[in-house]
C-alpha atoms as a PDB file:
ATOM      1  CA  MET A   1      73.255  35.013 142.242  1.00  0.00           C
ATOM      2  CA  ASN A   2      68.826  34.675 140.669  1.00  0.00           C
ATOM      3  CA  PHE A   3      67.485  38.227 141.628  1.00  0.00           C
ATOM      4  CA  ASN A   4      64.445  37.637 139.840  1.00  0.00           C
ATOM      5  CA  LYS A   5      64.133  34.629 142.400  1.00  0.00           C
ATOM      6  CA  LEU A   6      64.964  36.956 145.185  1.00  0.00           C
ATOM      7  CA  PHE A   7      62.383  39.598 143.698  1.00  0.00           C
ATOM      8  CA  VAL A   8      59.438  36.878 143.500  1.00  0.00           C
ATOM      9  CA  ALA A   9      59.902  35.752 146.699  1.00  0.00           C
ATOM     10  CA  ASP A  10      60.072  39.330 148.410  1.00  0.00           C
ATOM     11  CA  ILE A  11      56.897  39.559 146.495  1.00  0.00           C
ATOM     12  CA  GLU A  12      55.055  36.384 147.980  1.00  0.00           C
ATOM     13  CA  ARG A  13      56.264  38.705 152.199  1.00  0.00           C
ATOM     14  CA  ALA A  14      54.418  40.845 150.840  1.00  0.00           C
ATOM     15  CA  PHE A  15      51.730  40.404 149.931  1.00  0.00           C
ATOM     16  CA  GLN A  16      51.616  37.460 153.395  1.00  0.00           C
ATOM     17  CA  SER A  17      52.112  40.477 155.105  1.00  0.00           C
ATOM     18  CA  ALA A  18      49.381  42.818 153.075  1.00  0.00           C
ATOM     19  CA  ALA A  19      46.987  40.145 154.449  1.00  0.00           C
ATOM     20  CA  LYS A  20      48.249  39.470 158.500  1.00  0.00           C
ATOM     21  CA  ASN A  21      47.743  43.824 158.616  1.00  0.00           C
ATOM     22  CA  ARG A  22      43.936  42.894 156.866  1.00  0.00           C
ATOM     23  CA  ALA A  23      45.172  45.313 154.700  1.00  0.00           C
ATOM     24  CA  GLU A  24      41.820  45.783 152.220  1.00  0.00           C
ATOM     25  CA  ALA A  25      43.328  46.910 148.879  1.00  0.00           C
ATOM     26  CA  LEU A  26      46.818  47.618 147.233  1.00  0.00           C
ATOM     27  CA  ILE A  27      47.812  49.960 145.122  1.00  0.00           C
ATOM     28  CA  LEU A  28      51.020  48.180 142.531  1.00  0.00           C
ATOM     29  CA  LEU A  29      53.012  52.049 141.143  1.00  0.00           C
ATOM     30  CA  SER A  30      54.566  51.718 137.685  1.00  0.00           C
ATOM     31  CA  SER A  31      58.607  50.988 138.224  1.00  0.00           C
ATOM     32  CA  PRO A  32      60.625  49.721 136.045  1.00  0.00           C
ATOM     33  CA  VAL A  33      61.239  47.440 139.353  1.00  0.00           C
ATOM     34  CA  LEU A  34      57.870  46.011 138.791  1.00  0.00           C
ATOM     35  CA  THR A  35      58.652  43.630 136.007  1.00  0.00           C
ATOM     36  CA  GLN A  36      57.014  40.438 137.675  1.00  0.00           C
ATOM     37  CA  ARG A  37      52.771  41.425 136.154  1.00  0.00           C
ATOM     38  CA  LYS A  38      52.146  38.004 136.294  1.00  0.00           C
ATOM     39  CA  GLN A  39      53.477  37.042 139.325  1.00  0.00           C
ATOM     40  CA  ILE A  40      52.987  39.880 141.419  1.00  0.00           C
ATOM     41  CA  ALA A  41      48.684  39.659 139.968  1.00  0.00           C
ATOM     42  CA  GLU A  42      49.155  35.954 140.943  1.00  0.00           C
ATOM     43  CA  VAL A  43      50.055  36.147 144.551  1.00  0.00           C
ATOM     44  CA  ALA A  44      47.869  39.239 145.283  1.00  0.00           C
ATOM     45  CA  GLU A  45      45.268  36.471 143.868  1.00  0.00           C
ATOM     46  CA  LYS A  46      46.366  33.484 146.066  1.00  0.00           C
ATOM     47  CA  HIS A  47      45.935  36.313 149.616  1.00  0.00           C
ATOM     48  CA  ARG A  48      42.880  37.445 148.055  1.00  0.00           C
ATOM     49  CA  VAL A  49      44.711  41.230 148.167  1.00  0.00           C
ATOM     50  CA  PRO A  50      42.647  43.343 145.635  1.00  0.00           C
ATOM     51  CA  ALA A  51      44.839  45.638 143.534  1.00  0.00           C
ATOM     52  CA  ILE A  52      45.166  48.042 141.391  1.00  0.00           C
ATOM     53  CA  TYR A  53      47.594  48.680 138.883  1.00  0.00           C
ATOM     54  CA  SER A  54      48.116  51.341 137.018  1.00  0.00           C
ATOM     55  CA  ARG A  55      49.149  49.795 133.315  1.00  0.00           C
ATOM     56  CA  PRO A  56      47.192  48.236 131.123  1.00  0.00           C
ATOM     57  CA  GLU A  57      49.455  46.430 130.327  1.00  0.00           C
ATOM     58  CA  ASP A  58      48.953  44.288 134.328  1.00  0.00           C
ATOM     59  CA  VAL A  59      45.375  43.414 133.450  1.00  0.00           C
ATOM     60  CA  ILE A  60      46.294  41.339 130.289  1.00  0.00           C
ATOM     61  CA  SER A  61      48.851  40.073 132.804  1.00  0.00           C
ATOM     62  CA  GLY A  62      45.938  38.702 135.599  1.00  0.00           C
ATOM     63  CA  GLY A  63      45.963  41.940 137.101  1.00  0.00           C
ATOM     64  CA  LEU A  64      42.064  42.796 137.934  1.00  0.00           C
ATOM     65  CA  LEU A  65      41.632  46.343 137.452  1.00  0.00           C
ATOM     66  CA  SER A  66      44.088  49.563 136.092  1.00  0.00           C
ATOM     67  CA  TYR A  67      43.436  52.982 135.861  1.00  0.00           C
ATOM     68  CA  GLY A  68      45.816  55.585 134.567  1.00  0.00           C
ATOM     69  CA  VAL A  69      46.763  57.281 130.796  1.00  0.00           C
ATOM     70  CA  ASN A  70      46.495  55.746 127.944  1.00  0.00           C
ATOM     71  CA  VAL A  71      51.404  56.312 127.258  1.00  0.00           C
ATOM     72  CA  GLY A  72      50.167  55.133 123.452  1.00  0.00           C
ATOM     73  CA  ASP A  73      46.736  57.881 123.420  1.00  0.00           C
ATOM     74  CA  LEU A  74      49.115  60.928 124.473  1.00  0.00           C
ATOM     75  CA  ASP A  75      52.019  60.453 122.544  1.00  0.00           C
ATOM     76  CA  ARG A  76      49.685  60.314 119.310  1.00  0.00           C
ATOM     77  CA  ARG A  77      48.436  62.904 120.750  1.00  0.00           C
ATOM     78  CA  ALA A  78      51.595  65.488 120.875  1.00  0.00           C
ATOM     79  CA  ALA A  79      52.777  63.782 117.849  1.00  0.00           C
ATOM     80  CA  VAL A  80      50.063  65.969 116.259  1.00  0.00           C
END
């Protein structure tokens, strides 16, 4: 069974539901499950649902914007 394909289908259904229910925006929190950054960004754009992400990597993958801590900076500060 290809779980990646199933997950991408779930992403599509979630955005269809959000668009159908007139969601004004979407906030995606950091999760080890949400590894399909590029697909999520593409589906959000396709359904015209603006999405904010908690990690800059999501924006690099095509997301609209991110807002959150800089983990690398926190690591450097902890090392000092």
